[in-house]
Amino acid sequence: MGKLIVWNIVSLDGYFEGEEKWDLRLHEYIWGEELQRLSLAFGDELGLLVFGRVTYEGMAEYWHSADEEHPDITSYMNTAPKLVASRTLTEATWQNTEVTGDIVGELTRRKQADSRPVYVFGSAVLTDSLLRAGLVDELLVGIAPVILGAGTPLFKPADAPRPLELAESSVTQTGGVILRYAVPARAAGGAQ
C-alpha cells in the first residue's frame, strides 16, 4: 500500500503563499542544496502527484514554460502521472494528467493498488479534505525562515486537535527546517 504524503513550504507563521495568489517568494528563504536534493528524490520515488484545481492550474502553467535551471525537476514534473481533484475542470492539458470528481474514492483505490508514494503538492483545501477523510499518512513541511505577517494559511481550522508524530527533522543551510510528521490513523480524521 502506498503512502499519501503532503508536501508544502510555509513561513514560520504558517502561510504557504503571500497575500496575492501564487506569491511564493517565501520559497527563496529556504531553497538551497537540501531542498534541491529533496525535490529530486520526489521524482525518483513518486507514483502519483495530486493537486487541487487551483494548484494544478498554476503548476501546469509554470512547469510548461519552466526555465532549464533545474532540468531534472522540470522533467519529472512534466512526465509524472498527475491527478487533479475538481468538480468543475473538464479538461486537463498538462501531460499525463487525469481529473476526478471523487478524490477520496480515487486516492483510496490508488493507495491500495501501488506501493509508491502519492504526493500532494500545495493544495491547502485539498489537504484539509484528505486529512478529514483520514487519507494522509505523512505531512512533510519545509519551514522557511521568514514571518510573512499575512497570506494564505496551509492548515484550515479543525473541529478537534490532530496529534502528529515527529518522524524526522533537519535544518537547512539557509536556516529553514524540514519536518516530517506521521499522521496517526486515530487523528487523521480529527477525532480522538
N, C-alpha and C. Protein backbone atom coordinates (compact mmCIF):
# COMPACT_ATOMS: atom_id res chain seq x y z
N MET A 1 0.84 -1.18 0.00
CA MET A 1 0.00 0.00 0.00
C MET A 1 0.89 1.24 0.00
N GLY A 2 0.56 2.20 -0.82
CA GLY A 2 1.33 3.43 -0.89
C GLY A 2 0.94 4.42 0.18
N LYS A 3 1.90 5.29 0.53
CA LYS A 3 1.63 6.36 1.48
C LYS A 3 1.19 7.60 0.73
N LEU A 4 0.30 8.36 1.36
CA LEU A 4 -0.07 9.67 0.83
C LEU A 4 0.66 10.71 1.67
N ILE A 5 1.51 11.49 1.01
CA ILE A 5 2.36 12.46 1.67
C ILE A 5 2.05 13.85 1.14
N VAL A 6 1.74 14.75 2.05
CA VAL A 6 1.50 16.16 1.69
C VAL A 6 2.81 16.90 1.85
N TRP A 7 3.22 17.64 0.82
CA TRP A 7 4.45 18.44 0.86
C TRP A 7 4.10 19.90 0.60
N ASN A 8 4.65 20.76 1.45
CA ASN A 8 4.50 22.19 1.21
C ASN A 8 5.55 22.95 2.00
N ILE A 9 5.77 24.17 1.58
CA ILE A 9 6.66 25.10 2.28
C ILE A 9 5.79 26.18 2.88
N VAL A 10 6.06 26.51 4.15
CA VAL A 10 5.31 27.56 4.83
C VAL A 10 6.27 28.52 5.49
N SER A 11 5.77 29.72 5.76
CA SER A 11 6.53 30.68 6.55
C SER A 11 6.46 30.24 8.01
N LEU A 12 7.27 30.83 8.85
CA LEU A 12 7.25 30.49 10.27
C LEU A 12 5.87 30.73 10.88
N ASP A 13 5.12 31.70 10.34
CA ASP A 13 3.78 31.95 10.85
C ASP A 13 2.69 31.19 10.09
N GLY A 14 3.07 30.17 9.31
CA GLY A 14 2.11 29.22 8.77
C GLY A 14 1.49 29.49 7.43
N TYR A 15 1.99 30.49 6.67
CA TYR A 15 1.40 30.80 5.36
C TYR A 15 2.18 30.11 4.25
N PHE A 16 1.45 29.51 3.30
CA PHE A 16 2.13 28.86 2.19
C PHE A 16 2.20 29.76 0.95
N GLU A 17 1.53 30.88 1.00
CA GLU A 17 1.66 31.90 -0.04
C GLU A 17 1.35 33.24 0.61
N GLY A 18 1.83 34.30 -0.04
CA GLY A 18 1.58 35.65 0.47
C GLY A 18 0.13 36.05 0.29
N GLU A 19 -0.12 37.34 0.41
CA GLU A 19 -1.50 37.84 0.30
C GLU A 19 -2.07 37.68 -1.10
N GLU A 20 -1.21 37.71 -2.11
CA GLU A 20 -1.65 37.51 -3.50
C GLU A 20 -1.51 36.03 -3.87
N LYS A 21 -2.46 35.51 -4.65
CA LYS A 21 -2.36 34.13 -5.13
C LYS A 21 -1.03 33.94 -5.86
N TRP A 22 -0.39 32.84 -5.60
CA TRP A 22 0.87 32.45 -6.23
C TRP A 22 2.04 33.36 -5.85
N ASP A 23 1.92 34.10 -4.75
CA ASP A 23 3.07 34.83 -4.23
C ASP A 23 3.86 33.83 -3.39
N LEU A 24 4.83 33.20 -4.01
CA LEU A 24 5.62 32.14 -3.36
C LEU A 24 7.05 32.59 -3.07
N ARG A 25 7.24 33.87 -2.91
CA ARG A 25 8.58 34.38 -2.64
C ARG A 25 9.19 33.81 -1.37
N LEU A 26 8.36 33.30 -0.46
CA LEU A 26 8.89 32.69 0.76
C LEU A 26 9.80 31.51 0.46
N HIS A 27 9.63 30.88 -0.70
CA HIS A 27 10.49 29.76 -1.08
C HIS A 27 11.95 30.18 -1.19
N GLU A 28 12.19 31.43 -1.54
CA GLU A 28 13.56 31.92 -1.70
C GLU A 28 14.33 31.86 -0.38
N TYR A 29 13.63 31.91 0.74
CA TYR A 29 14.29 31.91 2.04
C TYR A 29 14.76 30.52 2.47
N ILE A 30 14.21 29.47 1.89
CA ILE A 30 14.58 28.11 2.29
C ILE A 30 15.26 27.34 1.17
N TRP A 31 15.08 27.75 -0.08
CA TRP A 31 15.63 26.99 -1.19
C TRP A 31 17.15 26.92 -1.09
N GLY A 32 17.67 25.74 -1.34
CA GLY A 32 19.10 25.51 -1.33
C GLY A 32 19.38 24.06 -1.67
N GLU A 33 20.56 23.64 -1.36
CA GLU A 33 21.03 22.30 -1.69
C GLU A 33 20.10 21.20 -1.15
N GLU A 34 19.67 21.35 0.10
CA GLU A 34 18.83 20.31 0.71
C GLU A 34 17.48 20.19 0.02
N LEU A 35 16.86 21.31 -0.30
CA LEU A 35 15.57 21.25 -0.97
C LEU A 35 15.70 20.76 -2.41
N GLN A 36 16.81 21.08 -3.04
CA GLN A 36 17.02 20.56 -4.39
C GLN A 36 17.14 19.04 -4.35
N ARG A 37 17.90 18.51 -3.39
CA ARG A 37 18.03 17.05 -3.25
C ARG A 37 16.67 16.41 -2.94
N LEU A 38 15.91 17.04 -2.03
CA LEU A 38 14.60 16.52 -1.68
C LEU A 38 13.68 16.53 -2.91
N SER A 39 13.71 17.60 -3.67
CA SER A 39 12.88 17.70 -4.88
C SER A 39 13.23 16.61 -5.88
N LEU A 40 14.51 16.33 -6.05
CA LEU A 40 14.92 15.26 -6.95
C LEU A 40 14.49 13.89 -6.43
N ALA A 41 14.53 13.71 -5.12
CA ALA A 41 14.09 12.44 -4.52
C ALA A 41 12.61 12.20 -4.78
N PHE A 42 11.80 13.26 -4.74
CA PHE A 42 10.38 13.11 -5.06
C PHE A 42 10.22 12.47 -6.44
N GLY A 43 10.95 12.99 -7.41
CA GLY A 43 10.86 12.48 -8.78
C GLY A 43 11.29 11.03 -8.91
N ASP A 44 12.25 10.62 -8.09
CA ASP A 44 12.74 9.24 -8.14
C ASP A 44 11.75 8.24 -7.56
N GLU A 45 10.95 8.66 -6.59
CA GLU A 45 10.14 7.68 -5.86
C GLU A 45 8.64 7.77 -6.08
N LEU A 46 8.14 8.90 -6.55
CA LEU A 46 6.69 9.06 -6.57
C LEU A 46 5.99 8.15 -7.57
N GLY A 47 4.77 7.80 -7.21
CA GLY A 47 3.91 7.05 -8.11
C GLY A 47 2.85 7.95 -8.73
N LEU A 48 2.53 9.06 -8.02
CA LEU A 48 1.46 9.95 -8.47
C LEU A 48 1.61 11.29 -7.79
N LEU A 49 1.38 12.37 -8.54
CA LEU A 49 1.29 13.72 -8.00
C LEU A 49 -0.19 14.11 -7.98
N VAL A 50 -0.62 14.73 -6.90
CA VAL A 50 -2.02 15.11 -6.77
C VAL A 50 -2.11 16.60 -6.47
N PHE A 51 -3.07 17.25 -7.10
CA PHE A 51 -3.28 18.68 -6.92
C PHE A 51 -4.77 18.97 -6.81
N GLY A 52 -5.10 20.03 -6.11
CA GLY A 52 -6.43 20.62 -6.24
C GLY A 52 -6.43 21.43 -7.53
N ARG A 53 -7.60 21.85 -7.97
CA ARG A 53 -7.70 22.53 -9.26
C ARG A 53 -6.87 23.80 -9.34
N VAL A 54 -6.94 24.65 -8.32
CA VAL A 54 -6.22 25.92 -8.37
C VAL A 54 -4.71 25.68 -8.44
N THR A 55 -4.21 24.78 -7.61
CA THR A 55 -2.78 24.47 -7.64
C THR A 55 -2.40 23.85 -8.97
N TYR A 56 -3.24 22.95 -9.47
CA TYR A 56 -2.97 22.32 -10.77
C TYR A 56 -2.80 23.38 -11.86
N GLU A 57 -3.72 24.33 -11.91
CA GLU A 57 -3.66 25.34 -12.97
C GLU A 57 -2.38 26.16 -12.89
N GLY A 58 -1.98 26.54 -11.69
CA GLY A 58 -0.73 27.30 -11.53
C GLY A 58 0.50 26.47 -11.84
N MET A 59 0.51 25.22 -11.38
CA MET A 59 1.66 24.35 -11.63
C MET A 59 1.79 24.03 -13.12
N ALA A 60 0.68 23.74 -13.76
CA ALA A 60 0.72 23.42 -15.19
C ALA A 60 1.27 24.61 -15.97
N GLU A 61 0.81 25.79 -15.65
CA GLU A 61 1.31 26.98 -16.35
C GLU A 61 2.80 27.17 -16.12
N TYR A 62 3.24 27.02 -14.87
CA TYR A 62 4.65 27.24 -14.55
C TYR A 62 5.55 26.19 -15.21
N TRP A 63 5.22 24.90 -15.03
CA TRP A 63 6.14 23.85 -15.48
C TRP A 63 6.14 23.67 -17.00
N HIS A 64 5.06 24.08 -17.68
CA HIS A 64 5.07 24.05 -19.15
C HIS A 64 6.18 24.95 -19.70
N SER A 65 6.40 26.06 -19.02
CA SER A 65 7.37 27.04 -19.53
C SER A 65 8.55 27.24 -18.59
N ALA A 66 8.79 26.28 -17.69
CA ALA A 66 9.88 26.42 -16.71
C ALA A 66 11.23 26.53 -17.42
N ASP A 67 12.07 27.38 -16.87
CA ASP A 67 13.41 27.51 -17.44
C ASP A 67 14.20 26.23 -17.14
N GLU A 68 15.34 26.16 -17.67
CA GLU A 68 16.15 24.95 -17.51
C GLU A 68 17.13 25.04 -16.36
N GLU A 69 16.83 25.88 -15.36
CA GLU A 69 17.70 25.97 -14.18
C GLU A 69 17.75 24.64 -13.44
N HIS A 70 16.64 23.92 -13.41
CA HIS A 70 16.56 22.62 -12.73
C HIS A 70 15.94 21.61 -13.70
N PRO A 71 16.68 21.17 -14.72
CA PRO A 71 16.09 20.33 -15.76
C PRO A 71 15.54 18.99 -15.26
N ASP A 72 16.17 18.39 -14.24
CA ASP A 72 15.67 17.11 -13.74
C ASP A 72 14.32 17.27 -13.06
N ILE A 73 14.15 18.36 -12.31
CA ILE A 73 12.87 18.61 -11.65
C ILE A 73 11.81 18.93 -12.70
N THR A 74 12.16 19.77 -13.67
CA THR A 74 11.23 20.10 -14.75
C THR A 74 10.78 18.84 -15.48
N SER A 75 11.72 17.94 -15.73
CA SER A 75 11.41 16.71 -16.46
C SER A 75 10.39 15.86 -15.71
N TYR A 76 10.63 15.59 -14.42
CA TYR A 76 9.67 14.72 -13.73
C TYR A 76 8.34 15.42 -13.48
N MET A 77 8.36 16.73 -13.27
CA MET A 77 7.08 17.42 -13.07
C MET A 77 6.21 17.32 -14.33
N ASN A 78 6.84 17.35 -15.48
CA ASN A 78 6.07 17.28 -16.72
C ASN A 78 5.70 15.85 -17.11
N THR A 79 6.48 14.86 -16.71
CA THR A 79 6.20 13.49 -17.15
C THR A 79 5.52 12.62 -16.10
N ALA A 80 5.55 13.00 -14.83
CA ALA A 80 4.94 12.18 -13.78
C ALA A 80 3.44 12.06 -13.97
N PRO A 81 2.85 10.93 -13.57
CA PRO A 81 1.40 10.82 -13.57
C PRO A 81 0.82 11.82 -12.57
N LYS A 82 -0.24 12.50 -12.99
CA LYS A 82 -0.85 13.53 -12.16
C LYS A 82 -2.36 13.32 -12.09
N LEU A 83 -2.91 13.69 -10.93
CA LEU A 83 -4.35 13.59 -10.71
C LEU A 83 -4.82 14.91 -10.13
N VAL A 84 -5.91 15.44 -10.69
CA VAL A 84 -6.47 16.72 -10.23
C VAL A 84 -7.83 16.46 -9.60
N ALA A 85 -8.01 16.98 -8.41
CA ALA A 85 -9.31 16.91 -7.74
C ALA A 85 -10.12 18.13 -8.16
N SER A 86 -11.19 17.89 -8.90
CA SER A 86 -12.02 19.01 -9.34
C SER A 86 -13.39 18.51 -9.77
N ARG A 87 -14.39 19.29 -9.42
CA ARG A 87 -15.75 19.01 -9.89
C ARG A 87 -16.11 19.93 -11.05
N THR A 88 -15.23 20.89 -11.35
CA THR A 88 -15.55 21.86 -12.41
C THR A 88 -14.63 21.76 -13.62
N LEU A 89 -13.42 21.27 -13.44
CA LEU A 89 -12.47 21.15 -14.54
C LEU A 89 -12.93 20.05 -15.48
N THR A 90 -13.01 20.35 -16.75
CA THR A 90 -13.47 19.34 -17.70
C THR A 90 -12.35 18.77 -18.55
N GLU A 91 -11.22 19.48 -18.60
CA GLU A 91 -10.12 19.02 -19.44
C GLU A 91 -8.80 19.34 -18.74
N ALA A 92 -7.91 18.36 -18.76
CA ALA A 92 -6.57 18.56 -18.21
C ALA A 92 -5.58 18.50 -19.36
N THR A 93 -4.88 19.60 -19.57
CA THR A 93 -3.99 19.68 -20.73
C THR A 93 -2.53 19.40 -20.40
N TRP A 94 -2.18 19.36 -19.13
CA TRP A 94 -0.80 19.08 -18.74
C TRP A 94 -0.55 17.58 -18.92
N GLN A 95 0.56 17.25 -19.50
CA GLN A 95 0.93 15.88 -19.83
C GLN A 95 0.70 14.92 -18.67
N ASN A 96 0.11 13.74 -18.97
CA ASN A 96 -0.11 12.65 -18.01
C ASN A 96 -1.03 13.05 -16.85
N THR A 97 -2.06 13.83 -17.12
CA THR A 97 -2.96 14.30 -16.06
C THR A 97 -4.36 13.75 -16.27
N GLU A 98 -4.94 13.27 -15.18
CA GLU A 98 -6.34 12.86 -15.14
C GLU A 98 -7.08 13.77 -14.17
N VAL A 99 -8.39 13.84 -14.32
CA VAL A 99 -9.24 14.64 -13.44
C VAL A 99 -10.24 13.70 -12.77
N THR A 100 -10.51 13.95 -11.49
CA THR A 100 -11.53 13.17 -10.80
C THR A 100 -12.40 14.09 -9.95
N GLY A 101 -13.68 13.79 -9.90
CA GLY A 101 -14.60 14.49 -9.02
C GLY A 101 -14.75 13.77 -7.69
N ASP A 102 -14.18 12.56 -7.60
CA ASP A 102 -14.24 11.76 -6.36
C ASP A 102 -12.82 11.47 -5.89
N ILE A 103 -12.16 12.50 -5.35
CA ILE A 103 -10.76 12.35 -4.98
C ILE A 103 -10.57 11.35 -3.84
N VAL A 104 -11.47 11.31 -2.88
CA VAL A 104 -11.32 10.37 -1.76
C VAL A 104 -11.40 8.93 -2.26
N GLY A 105 -12.40 8.63 -3.07
CA GLY A 105 -12.53 7.28 -3.62
C GLY A 105 -11.36 6.91 -4.51
N GLU A 106 -10.95 7.84 -5.35
CA GLU A 106 -9.85 7.57 -6.29
C GLU A 106 -8.54 7.35 -5.55
N LEU A 107 -8.24 8.17 -4.56
CA LEU A 107 -6.97 8.01 -3.82
C LEU A 107 -7.00 6.77 -2.93
N THR A 108 -8.14 6.43 -2.39
CA THR A 108 -8.25 5.20 -1.61
C THR A 108 -7.89 4.01 -2.50
N ARG A 109 -8.43 3.98 -3.69
CA ARG A 109 -8.15 2.88 -4.64
C ARG A 109 -6.69 2.86 -5.05
N ARG A 110 -6.14 4.03 -5.38
CA ARG A 110 -4.77 4.09 -5.88
C ARG A 110 -3.73 3.77 -4.80
N LYS A 111 -3.99 4.18 -3.57
CA LYS A 111 -3.06 3.85 -2.48
C LYS A 111 -2.98 2.34 -2.28
N GLN A 112 -4.09 1.65 -2.48
CA GLN A 112 -4.10 0.20 -2.32
C GLN A 112 -3.46 -0.51 -3.51
N ALA A 113 -3.49 0.11 -4.68
CA ALA A 113 -3.01 -0.53 -5.90
C ALA A 113 -1.52 -0.34 -6.17
N ASP A 114 -0.88 0.66 -5.54
CA ASP A 114 0.51 0.98 -5.86
C ASP A 114 1.26 1.26 -4.57
N SER A 115 2.43 0.67 -4.42
CA SER A 115 3.22 0.85 -3.18
C SER A 115 4.06 2.13 -3.20
N ARG A 116 4.13 2.79 -4.36
CA ARG A 116 4.92 4.03 -4.42
C ARG A 116 4.15 5.17 -3.77
N PRO A 117 4.87 6.17 -3.24
CA PRO A 117 4.20 7.29 -2.58
C PRO A 117 3.35 8.12 -3.53
N VAL A 118 2.26 8.61 -2.99
CA VAL A 118 1.41 9.60 -3.65
C VAL A 118 1.72 10.92 -2.96
N TYR A 119 2.10 11.93 -3.73
CA TYR A 119 2.42 13.23 -3.17
C TYR A 119 1.36 14.26 -3.53
N VAL A 120 0.95 15.02 -2.53
CA VAL A 120 0.10 16.18 -2.74
C VAL A 120 1.01 17.38 -2.59
N PHE A 121 1.14 18.18 -3.62
CA PHE A 121 1.94 19.40 -3.58
C PHE A 121 0.99 20.59 -3.46
N GLY A 122 1.25 21.47 -2.50
CA GLY A 122 0.40 22.65 -2.34
C GLY A 122 -0.99 22.24 -1.92
N SER A 123 -1.99 22.89 -2.47
CA SER A 123 -3.37 22.44 -2.37
C SER A 123 -3.91 22.39 -0.93
N ALA A 124 -3.99 23.54 -0.28
CA ALA A 124 -4.43 23.60 1.12
C ALA A 124 -5.86 23.10 1.32
N VAL A 125 -6.76 23.43 0.43
CA VAL A 125 -8.15 22.98 0.57
C VAL A 125 -8.22 21.47 0.40
N LEU A 126 -7.52 20.95 -0.60
CA LEU A 126 -7.48 19.51 -0.81
C LEU A 126 -6.84 18.81 0.38
N THR A 127 -5.75 19.37 0.89
CA THR A 127 -5.09 18.78 2.06
C THR A 127 -6.06 18.65 3.22
N ASP A 128 -6.85 19.70 3.46
CA ASP A 128 -7.83 19.66 4.54
C ASP A 128 -8.84 18.53 4.31
N SER A 129 -9.32 18.40 3.09
CA SER A 129 -10.29 17.33 2.77
C SER A 129 -9.69 15.95 3.00
N LEU A 130 -8.44 15.78 2.60
CA LEU A 130 -7.79 14.48 2.73
C LEU A 130 -7.47 14.15 4.19
N LEU A 131 -7.11 15.17 4.97
CA LEU A 131 -6.91 14.96 6.41
C LEU A 131 -8.22 14.53 7.07
N ARG A 132 -9.30 15.21 6.74
CA ARG A 132 -10.61 14.87 7.32
C ARG A 132 -11.06 13.47 6.92
N ALA A 133 -10.67 13.04 5.71
CA ALA A 133 -11.05 11.70 5.23
C ALA A 133 -10.13 10.61 5.79
N GLY A 134 -9.07 11.00 6.48
CA GLY A 134 -8.15 10.01 7.05
C GLY A 134 -7.21 9.39 6.04
N LEU A 135 -6.96 10.06 4.92
CA LEU A 135 -6.10 9.50 3.87
C LEU A 135 -4.64 9.94 3.95
N VAL A 136 -4.33 10.98 4.71
CA VAL A 136 -2.95 11.48 4.77
C VAL A 136 -2.15 10.63 5.74
N ASP A 137 -1.02 10.10 5.25
CA ASP A 137 -0.12 9.31 6.09
C ASP A 137 1.00 10.16 6.67
N GLU A 138 1.46 11.15 5.91
CA GLU A 138 2.57 12.00 6.37
C GLU A 138 2.36 13.44 5.93
N LEU A 139 2.81 14.34 6.77
CA LEU A 139 2.92 15.76 6.42
C LEU A 139 4.39 16.08 6.37
N LEU A 140 4.86 16.55 5.24
CA LEU A 140 6.25 16.95 5.04
C LEU A 140 6.23 18.45 4.80
N VAL A 141 6.77 19.19 5.76
CA VAL A 141 6.65 20.64 5.73
C VAL A 141 8.02 21.28 5.82
N GLY A 142 8.31 22.16 4.87
CA GLY A 142 9.51 22.98 4.93
C GLY A 142 9.14 24.32 5.55
N ILE A 143 9.81 24.68 6.63
CA ILE A 143 9.52 25.96 7.27
C ILE A 143 10.59 26.95 6.85
N ALA A 144 10.16 27.94 6.08
CA ALA A 144 11.06 28.98 5.60
C ALA A 144 11.33 29.95 6.74
N PRO A 145 12.57 30.41 6.88
CA PRO A 145 12.91 31.32 7.97
C PRO A 145 12.47 32.75 7.68
N VAL A 146 11.15 32.94 7.65
CA VAL A 146 10.58 34.27 7.40
C VAL A 146 9.20 34.32 8.03
N ILE A 147 8.84 35.48 8.56
CA ILE A 147 7.49 35.74 9.05
C ILE A 147 6.82 36.64 8.01
N LEU A 148 5.78 36.13 7.37
CA LEU A 148 5.10 36.91 6.33
C LEU A 148 4.12 37.92 6.91
N GLY A 149 3.48 37.58 8.01
CA GLY A 149 2.54 38.50 8.61
C GLY A 149 1.13 38.41 8.05
N ALA A 150 1.00 37.91 6.83
CA ALA A 150 -0.31 37.75 6.19
C ALA A 150 -0.14 36.82 5.00
N GLY A 151 -1.23 36.21 4.60
CA GLY A 151 -1.20 35.30 3.46
C GLY A 151 -2.26 34.24 3.61
N THR A 152 -2.06 33.13 2.91
CA THR A 152 -2.99 32.01 2.96
C THR A 152 -2.39 30.92 3.85
N PRO A 153 -3.08 30.55 4.94
CA PRO A 153 -2.54 29.51 5.81
C PRO A 153 -2.65 28.14 5.16
N LEU A 154 -1.66 27.29 5.44
CA LEU A 154 -1.70 25.93 4.90
C LEU A 154 -2.81 25.11 5.55
N PHE A 155 -2.93 25.21 6.86
CA PHE A 155 -3.90 24.38 7.56
C PHE A 155 -5.15 25.17 7.91
N LYS A 156 -6.28 24.54 7.65
CA LYS A 156 -7.59 25.14 7.93
C LYS A 156 -7.98 24.85 9.38
N PRO A 157 -8.88 25.63 9.94
CA PRO A 157 -9.36 25.31 11.29
C PRO A 157 -9.96 23.91 11.33
N ALA A 158 -9.73 23.20 12.42
CA ALA A 158 -10.23 21.83 12.56
C ALA A 158 -11.22 21.76 13.71
N ASP A 159 -12.06 20.74 13.68
CA ASP A 159 -13.05 20.53 14.73
C ASP A 159 -12.41 20.08 16.04
N ALA A 160 -11.24 19.45 15.93
CA ALA A 160 -10.55 18.92 17.11
C ALA A 160 -9.05 18.90 16.81
N PRO A 161 -8.22 18.83 17.83
CA PRO A 161 -6.77 18.73 17.60
C PRO A 161 -6.44 17.48 16.78
N ARG A 162 -5.38 17.58 16.00
CA ARG A 162 -4.89 16.44 15.22
C ARG A 162 -3.47 16.14 15.68
N PRO A 163 -3.30 15.29 16.67
CA PRO A 163 -1.94 14.97 17.14
C PRO A 163 -1.13 14.32 16.02
N LEU A 164 0.14 14.68 15.96
CA LEU A 164 1.06 14.15 14.96
C LEU A 164 2.26 13.53 15.66
N GLU A 165 2.99 12.69 14.94
CA GLU A 165 4.20 12.08 15.49
C GLU A 165 5.38 12.51 14.63
N LEU A 166 6.35 13.18 15.26
CA LEU A 166 7.54 13.61 14.53
C LEU A 166 8.34 12.39 14.10
N ALA A 167 8.54 12.25 12.79
CA ALA A 167 9.30 11.12 12.25
C ALA A 167 10.72 11.53 11.88
N GLU A 168 10.90 12.81 11.53
CA GLU A 168 12.21 13.26 11.08
C GLU A 168 12.24 14.78 11.07
N SER A 169 13.41 15.33 11.35
CA SER A 169 13.59 16.77 11.23
C SER A 169 15.02 17.06 10.80
N SER A 170 15.19 18.13 10.05
CA SER A 170 16.53 18.55 9.64
C SER A 170 16.54 20.05 9.41
N VAL A 171 17.72 20.63 9.59
CA VAL A 171 17.91 22.06 9.39
C VAL A 171 18.65 22.25 8.07
N THR A 172 18.21 23.23 7.29
CA THR A 172 18.87 23.51 6.02
C THR A 172 19.97 24.56 6.22
N GLN A 173 20.87 24.62 5.26
CA GLN A 173 21.94 25.62 5.32
C GLN A 173 21.39 27.04 5.25
N THR A 174 20.18 27.19 4.75
CA THR A 174 19.56 28.51 4.64
C THR A 174 18.84 28.92 5.92
N GLY A 175 18.83 28.05 6.93
CA GLY A 175 18.17 28.35 8.19
C GLY A 175 16.73 27.87 8.26
N GLY A 176 16.29 27.16 7.25
CA GLY A 176 14.95 26.58 7.27
C GLY A 176 14.97 25.25 8.00
N VAL A 177 13.80 24.69 8.20
CA VAL A 177 13.65 23.40 8.86
C VAL A 177 12.73 22.55 8.00
N ILE A 178 13.08 21.28 7.85
CA ILE A 178 12.21 20.34 7.16
C ILE A 178 11.71 19.35 8.20
N LEU A 179 10.40 19.25 8.33
CA LEU A 179 9.76 18.39 9.32
C LEU A 179 8.91 17.35 8.62
N ARG A 180 9.06 16.11 9.05
CA ARG A 180 8.23 15.01 8.53
C ARG A 180 7.44 14.46 9.71
N TYR A 181 6.12 14.55 9.60
CA TYR A 181 5.23 14.05 10.65
C TYR A 181 4.40 12.90 10.13
N ALA A 182 4.30 11.84 10.94
CA ALA A 182 3.33 10.78 10.66
C ALA A 182 1.98 11.27 11.19
N VAL A 183 0.94 10.96 10.45
CA VAL A 183 -0.43 11.29 10.87
C VAL A 183 -1.07 10.00 11.36
N PRO A 184 -1.14 9.82 12.69
CA PRO A 184 -1.72 8.57 13.21
C PRO A 184 -3.16 8.39 12.73
N ALA A 185 -3.52 7.15 12.50
CA ALA A 185 -4.86 6.85 11.99
C ALA A 185 -5.95 7.40 12.90
N ARG A 186 -5.75 7.35 14.20
CA ARG A 186 -6.78 7.83 15.13
C ARG A 186 -6.98 9.33 15.01
N ALA A 187 -5.94 10.07 14.51
CA ALA A 187 -6.04 11.52 14.44
C ALA A 187 -6.30 12.01 13.03
N ALA A 188 -6.21 11.14 12.04
CA ALA A 188 -6.29 11.57 10.65
C ALA A 188 -7.59 12.29 10.35
N GLY A 189 -8.69 11.84 10.89
CA GLY A 189 -9.97 12.48 10.61
C GLY A 189 -10.33 13.56 11.62
N GLY A 190 -9.44 13.82 12.57
CA GLY A 190 -9.70 14.87 13.53
C GLY A 190 -10.34 14.37 14.82
N ALA A 191 -10.72 13.10 14.87
CA ALA A 191 -11.37 12.57 16.07
C ALA A 191 -10.36 11.84 16.94
N GLN A 192 -10.63 11.79 18.23
CA GLN A 192 -9.77 11.06 19.17
C GLN A 192 -10.35 9.72 19.46
